[in-house]
């Protein structure tokens, strides 16, 4: 539990930034749920504004999150201003979007294959996108199982990009350096995060809230999930930093003279 305690200590020391990031992510999720529930009652113009508002919240919270993780590696527990986080996180936004697109291809294929397999052995007669309402446990399993299969890529590639400040394809070259068995606490945290949706299903939290109390009830697992995921990503960044990998930027003329762009040391 040593690494988890160190990660929690960083999160606690930088709680204003964590609160801002989790709050924006939760607000984006809340506004998106509200839009899905009320989209039939909204005008086209108002629907467009709601979508734009949610998109802006998601983009800003993502950049803040990347800036936070980057400064965890560079500054440890030292607090940063929101503007500093935006400045540090902005260069990583499109790289993370690129990684997300690459990751989604095998993830969706695996999800679809798992869904077909489940439907073959059960009496489920719904479509892939209707399972969230009719059989939510199948919906969750179809998306969680691929994440467990691709766990090493999901945990280490974003952390490598943030720590090494390298491109998406360059990060895959360093993937073999990290071994999941060397970070059992990180794997345990990830498995816990993957199990949480099934707990919310057991508690019968509605997929699309309809009342104020349901919206409040829905926000609790959302906040818990974002906080836990932030702890996971901080732990992943710290683990990758401890590998002491070195990334040479071939576009840097100094690289050929023995200069390194990133020489990693553990925080």
C-alpha atoms as a PDB file:
ATOM      1  CA  UNK A   1       0.000   0.000   0.000  1.00  0.00           C
ATOM      2  CA  UNK A   2       3.045   2.281  -0.001  1.00  0.00           C
ATOM      3  CA  UNK A   3       2.554   3.627  -3.520  1.00  0.00           C
ATOM      4  CA  UNK A   4      -1.157   4.230  -2.966  1.00  0.00           C
ATOM      5  CA  UNK A   5      -0.402   6.195   0.213  1.00  0.00           C
ATOM      6  CA  UNK A   6       2.133   8.332  -1.649  1.00  0.00           C
ATOM      7  CA  UNK A   7      -0.375   8.970  -4.440  1.00  0.00           C
ATOM      8  CA  UNK A   8      -3.139   9.872  -1.992  1.00  0.00           C
ATOM      9  CA  UNK A   9      -0.732  12.240  -0.243  1.00  0.00           C
ATOM     10  CA  UNK A  10      -0.168  14.083  -3.543  1.00  0.00           C
ATOM     11  CA  UNK A  11      -3.904  14.232  -4.239  1.00  0.00           C
ATOM     12  CA  UNK A  12      -4.582  15.573  -0.740  1.00  0.00           C
ATOM     13  CA  UNK A  13      -1.795  18.144  -0.971  1.00  0.00           C
ATOM     14  CA  UNK A  14      -3.192  19.407  -4.281  1.00  0.00           C
ATOM     15  CA  UNK A  15      -6.875  19.115  -3.398  1.00  0.00           C
ATOM     16  CA  UNK A  16      -7.932  22.484  -4.943  1.00  0.00           C
ATOM     17  CA  UNK A  17      -6.768  21.288  -8.384  1.00  0.00           C
ATOM     18  CA  UNK A  18      -8.325  17.856  -7.873  1.00  0.00           C
ATOM     19  CA  UNK A  19     -11.621  19.467  -6.830  1.00  0.00           C
ATOM     20  CA  UNK A  20     -11.617  21.672  -9.933  1.00  0.00           C
ATOM     21  CA  UNK A  21     -10.868  18.811 -12.323  1.00  0.00           C
ATOM     22  CA  UNK A  22     -13.323  16.351 -10.779  1.00  0.00           C
ATOM     23  CA  UNK A  23     -15.946  19.096 -10.510  1.00  0.00           C
ATOM     24  CA  UNK A  24     -15.687  19.980 -14.206  1.00  0.00           C
ATOM     25  CA  UNK A  25     -15.749  16.332 -15.268  1.00  0.00           C
ATOM     26  CA  UNK A  26     -18.813  15.727 -13.067  1.00  0.00           C
ATOM     27  CA  UNK A  27     -20.546  18.849 -14.368  1.00  0.00           C
ATOM     28  CA  UNK A  28     -19.930  17.679 -17.937  1.00  0.00           C
ATOM     29  CA  UNK A  29     -21.380  14.252 -17.130  1.00  0.00           C
ATOM     30  CA  UNK A  30     -24.347  15.848 -15.338  1.00  0.00           C
ATOM     31  CA  UNK A  31     -25.110  18.208 -18.239  1.00  0.00           C
ATOM     32  CA  UNK A  32     -24.825  15.336 -20.702  1.00  0.00           C
ATOM     33  CA  UNK A  33     -27.291  13.224 -18.683  1.00  0.00           C
ATOM     34  CA  UNK A  34     -29.661  16.182 -18.439  1.00  0.00           C
ATOM     35  CA  UNK A  35     -29.449  16.713 -22.188  1.00  0.00           C
ATOM     36  CA  UNK A  36     -30.240  13.044 -22.938  1.00  0.00           C
ATOM     37  CA  UNK A  37     -33.249  13.140 -20.606  1.00  0.00           C
ATOM     38  CA  UNK A  38     -34.647  16.432 -21.947  1.00  0.00           C
ATOM     39  CA  UNK A  39     -33.515  16.413 -25.578  1.00  0.00           C
ATOM     40  CA  UNK A  40     -37.050  15.798 -26.897  1.00  0.00           C
ATOM     41  CA  UNK A  41     -38.330  18.927 -25.105  1.00  0.00           C
ATOM     42  CA  UNK A  42     -35.542  21.240 -26.260  1.00  0.00           C
ATOM     43  CA  UNK A  43     -35.412  23.327 -29.405  1.00  0.00           C
ATOM     44  CA  UNK A  44     -32.716  22.636 -31.963  1.00  0.00           C
ATOM     45  CA  UNK A  45     -30.830  25.806 -31.015  1.00  0.00           C
ATOM     46  CA  UNK A  46     -30.961  25.006 -27.287  1.00  0.00           C
ATOM     47  CA  UNK A  47     -29.866  21.425 -27.939  1.00  0.00           C
ATOM     48  CA  UNK A  48     -26.866  22.716 -29.874  1.00  0.00           C
ATOM     49  CA  UNK A  49     -25.944  25.050 -26.999  1.00  0.00           C
ATOM     50  CA  UNK A  50     -26.190  22.224 -24.475  1.00  0.00           C
ATOM     51  CA  UNK A  51     -23.954  20.025 -26.609  1.00  0.00           C
ATOM     52  CA  UNK A  52     -21.451  22.852 -27.072  1.00  0.00           C
ATOM     53  CA  UNK A  53     -21.427  23.554 -23.326  1.00  0.00           C
ATOM     54  CA  UNK A  54     -20.776  19.870 -22.532  1.00  0.00           C
ATOM     55  CA  UNK A  55     -18.035  19.693 -25.165  1.00  0.00           C
ATOM     56  CA  UNK A  56     -16.268  22.780 -23.798  1.00  0.00           C
ATOM     57  CA  UNK A  57     -16.421  21.382 -20.260  1.00  0.00           C
ATOM     58  CA  UNK A  58     -14.973  18.061 -21.389  1.00  0.00           C
ATOM     59  CA  UNK A  59     -12.115  19.654 -23.358  1.00  0.00           C
ATOM     60  CA  UNK A  60     -11.164  22.064 -20.545  1.00  0.00           C
ATOM     61  CA  UNK A  61     -11.316  19.346 -17.887  1.00  0.00           C
ATOM     62  CA  UNK A  62      -9.181  17.045 -20.066  1.00  0.00           C
ATOM     63  CA  UNK A  63      -6.499  19.709 -20.567  1.00  0.00           C
ATOM     64  CA  UNK A  64      -6.512  20.522 -16.852  1.00  0.00           C
ATOM     65  CA  UNK A  65      -6.192  16.829 -16.075  1.00  0.00           C
ATOM     66  CA  UNK A  66      -3.214  16.387 -18.410  1.00  0.00           C
ATOM     67  CA  UNK A  67      -1.586  19.471 -16.939  1.00  0.00           C
ATOM     68  CA  UNK A  68      -2.135  18.109 -13.447  1.00  0.00           C
ATOM     69  CA  UNK A  69      -0.592  14.735 -14.289  1.00  0.00           C
ATOM     70  CA  UNK A  70       2.353  16.344 -16.069  1.00  0.00           C
ATOM     71  CA  UNK A  71       3.052  18.592 -13.064  1.00  0.00           C
ATOM     72  CA  UNK A  72       2.731  15.614 -10.713  1.00  0.00           C
ATOM     73  CA  UNK A  73       5.788  14.257 -12.504  1.00  0.00           C
ATOM     74  CA  UNK A  74       7.588  17.620 -12.656  1.00  0.00           C
ATOM     75  CA  UNK A  75       6.526  19.251  -9.374  1.00  0.00           C
ATOM     76  CA  UNK A  76       5.247  16.470  -7.127  1.00  0.00           C
ATOM     77  CA  UNK A  77       3.043  17.914  -4.363  1.00  0.00           C
ATOM     78  CA  UNK A  78       3.568  21.568  -5.315  1.00  0.00           C
ATOM     79  CA  UNK A  79       0.262  23.229  -6.112  1.00  0.00           C
ATOM     80  CA  UNK A  80      -0.302  24.856  -9.497  1.00  0.00           C
ATOM     81  CA  UNK A  81      -2.730  27.504 -10.720  1.00  0.00           C
ATOM     82  CA  UNK A  82      -5.456  26.555 -13.234  1.00  0.00           C
ATOM     83  CA  UNK A  83      -3.677  28.627 -15.889  1.00  0.00           C
ATOM     84  CA  UNK A  84      -0.442  26.730 -15.248  1.00  0.00           C
ATOM     85  CA  UNK A  85      -2.297  23.430 -15.631  1.00  0.00           C
ATOM     86  CA  UNK A  86      -3.868  24.585 -18.885  1.00  0.00           C
ATOM     87  CA  UNK A  87      -0.478  25.667 -20.194  1.00  0.00           C
ATOM     88  CA  UNK A  88       1.165  22.369 -19.243  1.00  0.00           C
ATOM     89  CA  UNK A  89      -1.730  20.231 -20.438  1.00  0.00           C
ATOM     90  CA  UNK A  90      -2.467  21.896 -23.776  1.00  0.00           C
ATOM     91  CA  UNK A  91       0.461  20.290 -25.704  1.00  0.00           C
ATOM     92  CA  UNK A  92      -0.820  16.814 -24.764  1.00  0.00           C
ATOM     93  CA  UNK A  93      -4.469  17.252 -25.774  1.00  0.00           C
ATOM     94  CA  UNK A  94      -4.275  16.156 -29.412  1.00  0.00           C
ATOM     95  CA  UNK A  95      -1.800  13.406 -28.615  1.00  0.00           C
ATOM     96  CA  UNK A  96      -4.273  11.971 -26.118  1.00  0.00           C
ATOM     97  CA  UNK A  97      -7.106  12.334 -28.625  1.00  0.00           C
ATOM     98  CA  UNK A  98      -4.976  10.428 -31.136  1.00  0.00           C
ATOM     99  CA  UNK A  99      -4.281   7.702 -28.597  1.00  0.00           C
ATOM    100  CA  UNK A 100      -7.996   7.530 -27.767  1.00  0.00           C
ATOM    101  CA  UNK A 101      -8.898   6.982 -31.419  1.00  0.00           C
ATOM    102  CA  UNK A 102      -6.256   4.271 -31.790  1.00  0.00           C
ATOM    103  CA  UNK A 103      -7.333   2.599 -28.545  1.00  0.00           C
ATOM    104  CA  UNK A 104     -11.057   2.690 -29.375  1.00  0.00           C
ATOM    105  CA  UNK A 105     -10.671   0.547 -32.499  1.00  0.00           C
ATOM    106  CA  UNK A 106      -9.580  -2.718 -30.786  1.00  0.00           C
ATOM    107  CA  UNK A 107     -11.676  -1.832 -27.732  1.00  0.00           C
ATOM    108  CA  UNK A 108     -14.890  -1.561 -29.745  1.00  0.00           C
ATOM    109  CA  UNK A 109     -14.114  -4.708 -31.748  1.00  0.00           C
ATOM    110  CA  UNK A 110     -13.570  -6.659 -28.522  1.00  0.00           C
ATOM    111  CA  UNK A 111     -16.744  -5.180 -26.993  1.00  0.00           C
ATOM    112  CA  UNK A 112     -18.770  -6.220 -30.036  1.00  0.00           C
ATOM    113  CA  UNK A 113     -17.326  -9.749 -30.037  1.00  0.00           C
ATOM    114  CA  UNK A 114     -18.015 -10.147 -26.306  1.00  0.00           C
ATOM    115  CA  UNK A 115     -21.582  -8.919 -26.821  1.00  0.00           C
ATOM    116  CA  UNK A 116     -22.155 -11.442 -29.627  1.00  0.00           C
ATOM    117  CA  UNK A 117     -20.701 -14.186 -27.440  1.00  0.00           C
ATOM    118  CA  UNK A 118     -22.972 -13.278 -24.507  1.00  0.00           C
ATOM    119  CA  UNK A 119     -26.019 -13.071 -26.759  1.00  0.00           C
ATOM    120  CA  UNK A 120     -25.177 -16.469 -28.243  1.00  0.00           C
ATOM    121  CA  UNK A 121     -25.146 -18.186 -24.829  1.00  0.00           C
ATOM    122  CA  UNK A 122     -28.055 -16.235 -23.274  1.00  0.00           C
ATOM    123  CA  UNK A 123     -31.574 -15.168 -24.165  1.00  0.00           C
ATOM    124  CA  UNK A 124     -30.665 -11.503 -24.710  1.00  0.00           C
ATOM    125  CA  UNK A 125     -32.433 -10.227 -27.814  1.00  0.00           C
ATOM    126  CA  UNK A 126     -31.556  -6.514 -27.633  1.00  0.00           C
ATOM    127  CA  UNK A 127     -29.124  -4.638 -29.825  1.00  0.00           C
ATOM    128  CA  UNK A 128     -25.660  -3.590 -28.714  1.00  0.00           C
ATOM    129  CA  UNK A 129     -26.637   0.005 -27.918  1.00  0.00           C
ATOM    130  CA  UNK A 130     -29.916  -0.909 -26.169  1.00  0.00           C
ATOM    131  CA  UNK A 131     -28.250  -3.080 -23.510  1.00  0.00           C
ATOM    132  CA  UNK A 132     -27.590  -0.101 -21.196  1.00  0.00           C
ATOM    133  CA  UNK A 133     -31.322   0.215 -20.484  1.00  0.00           C
ATOM    134  CA  UNK A 134     -32.529  -3.380 -20.851  1.00  0.00           C
ATOM    135  CA  UNK A 135     -29.604  -5.388 -19.438  1.00  0.00           C
ATOM    136  CA  UNK A 136     -27.134  -2.920 -17.918  1.00  0.00           C
ATOM    137  CA  UNK A 137     -24.805  -5.638 -16.588  1.00  0.00           C
ATOM    138  CA  UNK A 138     -24.190  -6.846 -20.157  1.00  0.00           C
ATOM    139  CA  UNK A 139     -23.578  -3.265 -21.295  1.00  0.00           C
ATOM    140  CA  UNK A 140     -20.996  -2.752 -18.562  1.00  0.00           C
ATOM    141  CA  UNK A 141     -19.338  -6.120 -19.138  1.00  0.00           C
ATOM    142  CA  UNK A 142     -18.971  -5.446 -22.884  1.00  0.00           C
ATOM    143  CA  UNK A 143     -16.994  -2.271 -22.181  1.00  0.00           C
ATOM    144  CA  UNK A 144     -15.116  -3.336 -19.052  1.00  0.00           C
ATOM    145  CA  UNK A 145     -13.819  -6.664 -20.386  1.00  0.00           C
ATOM    146  CA  UNK A 146     -11.906  -5.027 -23.299  1.00  0.00           C
ATOM    147  CA  UNK A 147     -10.397  -2.510 -20.875  1.00  0.00           C
ATOM    148  CA  UNK A 148      -9.153  -5.391 -18.716  1.00  0.00           C
ATOM    149  CA  UNK A 149      -7.730  -7.133 -21.788  1.00  0.00           C
ATOM    150  CA  UNK A 150      -5.988  -3.915 -22.890  1.00  0.00           C
ATOM    151  CA  UNK A 151      -5.088  -2.860 -19.348  1.00  0.00           C
ATOM    152  CA  UNK A 152      -1.377  -2.366 -20.016  1.00  0.00           C
ATOM    153  CA  UNK A 153      -1.986  -0.101 -23.004  1.00  0.00           C
ATOM    154  CA  UNK A 154      -4.684   1.895 -21.205  1.00  0.00           C
ATOM    155  CA  UNK A 155      -2.606   2.482 -18.071  1.00  0.00           C
ATOM    156  CA  UNK A 156       0.892   2.953 -19.451  1.00  0.00           C
ATOM    157  CA  UNK A 157       0.606   4.674 -22.846  1.00  0.00           C
ATOM    158  CA  UNK A 158      -0.988   7.932 -21.544  1.00  0.00           C
ATOM    159  CA  UNK A 159       1.474   7.951 -18.644  1.00  0.00           C
ATOM    160  CA  UNK A 160       4.406   7.434 -21.032  1.00  0.00           C
ATOM    161  CA  UNK A 161       3.216  10.296 -23.244  1.00  0.00           C
ATOM    162  CA  UNK A 162       2.887  12.616 -20.242  1.00  0.00           C
ATOM    163  CA  UNK A 163       6.179  11.688 -18.595  1.00  0.00           C
ATOM    164  CA  UNK A 164       8.352  11.363 -21.690  1.00  0.00           C
ATOM    165  CA  UNK A 165       6.611  14.204 -23.573  1.00  0.00           C
ATOM    166  CA  UNK A 166       6.684  12.014 -26.670  1.00  0.00           C
ATOM    167  CA  UNK A 167       4.276  11.147 -29.462  1.00  0.00           C
ATOM    168  CA  UNK A 168       1.729   8.342 -29.398  1.00  0.00           C
ATOM    169  CA  UNK A 169       3.679   5.953 -31.620  1.00  0.00           C
ATOM    170  CA  UNK A 170       6.945   6.666 -29.802  1.00  0.00           C
ATOM    171  CA  UNK A 171       5.278   5.753 -26.499  1.00  0.00           C
ATOM    172  CA  UNK A 172       4.529   2.222 -27.725  1.00  0.00           C
ATOM    173  CA  UNK A 173       8.283   1.635 -28.081  1.00  0.00           C
ATOM    174  CA  UNK A 174       8.633   2.050 -24.290  1.00  0.00           C
ATOM    175  CA  UNK A 175       5.607  -0.083 -23.417  1.00  0.00           C
ATOM    176  CA  UNK A 176       7.681  -3.240 -22.913  1.00  0.00           C
ATOM    177  CA  UNK A 177       9.681  -1.514 -20.159  1.00  0.00           C
ATOM    178  CA  UNK A 178       6.676  -1.457 -17.857  1.00  0.00           C
ATOM    179  CA  UNK A 179       5.488  -4.697 -16.282  1.00  0.00           C
ATOM    180  CA  UNK A 180       2.091  -4.929 -14.637  1.00  0.00           C
ATOM    181  CA  UNK A 181       3.416  -7.350 -12.022  1.00  0.00           C
ATOM    182  CA  UNK A 182       5.816  -4.650 -10.857  1.00  0.00           C
ATOM    183  CA  UNK A 183       2.880  -2.408  -9.951  1.00  0.00           C
ATOM    184  CA  UNK A 184       0.362  -4.689  -8.259  1.00  0.00           C
ATOM    185  CA  UNK A 185      -1.218  -1.763  -6.379  1.00  0.00           C
ATOM    186  CA  UNK A 186      -1.936   0.019  -9.661  1.00  0.00           C
ATOM    187  CA  UNK A 187      -3.579  -3.105 -11.078  1.00  0.00           C
ATOM    188  CA  UNK A 188      -5.634  -3.539  -7.892  1.00  0.00           C
ATOM    189  CA  UNK A 189      -6.864   0.071  -8.102  1.00  0.00           C
ATOM    190  CA  UNK A 190      -7.777  -0.397 -11.753  1.00  0.00           C
ATOM    191  CA  UNK A 191      -9.728  -3.599 -11.047  1.00  0.00           C
ATOM    192  CA  UNK A 192     -11.566  -1.830  -8.227  1.00  0.00           C
ATOM    193  CA  UNK A 193     -12.510   0.989 -10.600  1.00  0.00           C
ATOM    194  CA  UNK A 194     -13.764  -1.537 -13.151  1.00  0.00           C
ATOM    195  CA  UNK A 195     -15.908  -3.281 -10.527  1.00  0.00           C
ATOM    196  CA  UNK A 196     -17.662  -0.123  -9.321  1.00  0.00           C
ATOM    197  CA  UNK A 197     -20.232   0.085 -12.172  1.00  0.00           C
ATOM    198  CA  UNK A 198     -21.593  -3.313 -11.164  1.00  0.00           C
ATOM    199  CA  UNK A 199     -22.085  -1.985  -7.620  1.00  0.00           C
ATOM    200  CA  UNK A 200     -24.083   0.949  -8.969  1.00  0.00           C
ATOM    201  CA  UNK A 201     -26.216  -1.491 -11.003  1.00  0.00           C
ATOM    202  CA  UNK A 202     -26.830  -3.540  -7.844  1.00  0.00           C
ATOM    203  CA  UNK A 203     -27.940  -0.358  -6.061  1.00  0.00           C
ATOM    204  CA  UNK A 204     -30.314   0.278  -9.003  1.00  0.00           C
ATOM    205  CA  UNK A 205     -29.039   3.752  -9.786  1.00  0.00           C
ATOM    206  CA  UNK A 206     -30.918   4.845 -12.948  1.00  0.00           C
ATOM    207  CA  UNK A 207     -28.955   5.051 -16.189  1.00  0.00           C
ATOM    208  CA  UNK A 208     -30.772   8.264 -17.188  1.00  0.00           C
ATOM    209  CA  UNK A 209     -32.032  10.225 -14.107  1.00  0.00           C
ATOM    210  CA  UNK A 210     -35.519  11.744 -14.246  1.00  0.00           C
ATOM    211  CA  UNK A 211     -35.923  13.435 -10.853  1.00  0.00           C
ATOM    212  CA  UNK A 212     -33.739  15.736  -8.740  1.00  0.00           C
ATOM    213  CA  UNK A 213     -33.046  12.982  -6.213  1.00  0.00           C
ATOM    214  CA  UNK A 214     -32.024  10.627  -9.007  1.00  0.00           C
ATOM    215  CA  UNK A 215     -29.640  13.242 -10.389  1.00  0.00           C
ATOM    216  CA  UNK A 216     -28.045  13.587  -6.939  1.00  0.00           C
ATOM    217  CA  UNK A 217     -27.871   9.812  -6.606  1.00  0.00           C
ATOM    218  CA  UNK A 218     -26.275   9.563 -10.046  1.00  0.00           C
ATOM    219  CA  UNK A 219     -23.671  12.201  -9.204  1.00  0.00           C
ATOM    220  CA  UNK A 220     -22.265  10.215  -6.263  1.00  0.00           C
ATOM    221  CA  UNK A 221     -20.855   7.291  -8.303  1.00  0.00           C
ATOM    222  CA  UNK A 222     -19.732   9.753 -10.979  1.00  0.00           C
ATOM    223  CA  UNK A 223     -17.627  11.746  -8.509  1.00  0.00           C
ATOM    224  CA  UNK A 224     -16.270   8.610  -6.839  1.00  0.00           C
ATOM    225  CA  UNK A 225     -15.352   7.158 -10.224  1.00  0.00           C
ATOM    226  CA  UNK A 226     -13.493  10.309 -11.337  1.00  0.00           C
ATOM    227  CA  UNK A 227     -11.578  10.628  -8.052  1.00  0.00           C
ATOM    228  CA  UNK A 228     -10.551   6.969  -8.176  1.00  0.00           C
ATOM    229  CA  UNK A 229      -9.508   7.267 -11.827  1.00  0.00           C
ATOM    230  CA  UNK A 230      -7.414  10.326 -10.987  1.00  0.00           C
ATOM    231  CA  UNK A 231      -5.668   8.339  -8.256  1.00  0.00           C
ATOM    232  CA  UNK A 232      -5.057   5.534 -10.769  1.00  0.00           C
ATOM    233  CA  UNK A 233      -3.554   7.863 -13.383  1.00  0.00           C
ATOM    234  CA  UNK A 234      -1.329   9.598 -10.823  1.00  0.00           C
ATOM    235  CA  UNK A 235      -0.103   6.181  -9.675  1.00  0.00           C
ATOM    236  CA  UNK A 236       0.563   5.214 -13.310  1.00  0.00           C
ATOM    237  CA  UNK A 237       2.538   8.418 -13.929  1.00  0.00           C
ATOM    238  CA  UNK A 238       4.640   7.837 -10.824  1.00  0.00           C
ATOM    239  CA  UNK A 239       5.284   4.218 -11.819  1.00  0.00           C
ATOM    240  CA  UNK A 240       6.337   5.156 -15.361  1.00  0.00           C
ATOM    241  CA  UNK A 241       8.607   7.892 -13.978  1.00  0.00           C
ATOM    242  CA  UNK A 242      10.307   5.294 -11.763  1.00  0.00           C
ATOM    243  CA  UNK A 243      11.387   3.299 -14.829  1.00  0.00           C
ATOM    244  CA  UNK A 244      14.121   5.859 -15.601  1.00  0.00           C
ATOM    245  CA  UNK A 245      13.488   5.651 -19.340  1.00  0.00           C
ATOM    246  CA  UNK A 246      15.097   8.111 -21.750  1.00  0.00           C
ATOM    247  CA  UNK A 247      13.442   9.540 -24.861  1.00  0.00           C
ATOM    248  CA  UNK A 248      15.550  11.078 -27.619  1.00  0.00           C
ATOM    249  CA  UNK A 249      13.770  13.497 -29.911  1.00  0.00           C
ATOM    250  CA  UNK A 250      15.114  12.785 -33.403  1.00  0.00           C
ATOM    251  CA  UNK A 251      13.958  16.218 -34.565  1.00  0.00           C
ATOM    252  CA  UNK A 252      16.224  17.862 -31.971  1.00  0.00           C
ATOM    253  CA  UNK A 253      19.700  18.530 -33.449  1.00  0.00           C
ATOM    254  CA  UNK A 254      21.204  18.195 -29.978  1.00  0.00           C
ATOM    255  CA  UNK A 255      19.994  14.599 -29.716  1.00  0.00           C
ATOM    256  CA  UNK A 256      22.733  13.391 -32.013  1.00  0.00           C
ATOM    257  CA  UNK A 257      25.277  14.977 -29.692  1.00  0.00           C
ATOM    258  CA  UNK A 258      24.158  12.892 -26.737  1.00  0.00           C
ATOM    259  CA  UNK A 259      21.571  15.289 -25.314  1.00  0.00           C
ATOM    260  CA  UNK A 260      18.338  13.768 -24.010  1.00  0.00           C
ATOM    261  CA  UNK A 261      14.927  15.335 -24.077  1.00  0.00           C
ATOM    262  CA  UNK A 262      13.644  13.456 -21.068  1.00  0.00           C
ATOM    263  CA  UNK A 263      15.670  11.631 -18.476  1.00  0.00           C
ATOM    264  CA  UNK A 264      13.184  10.158 -16.037  1.00  0.00           C
ATOM    265  CA  UNK A 265      13.740   9.922 -12.319  1.00  0.00           C
ATOM    266  CA  UNK A 266      11.193   8.709  -9.748  1.00  0.00           C
ATOM    267  CA  UNK A 267       9.205  11.296  -7.821  1.00  0.00           C
END
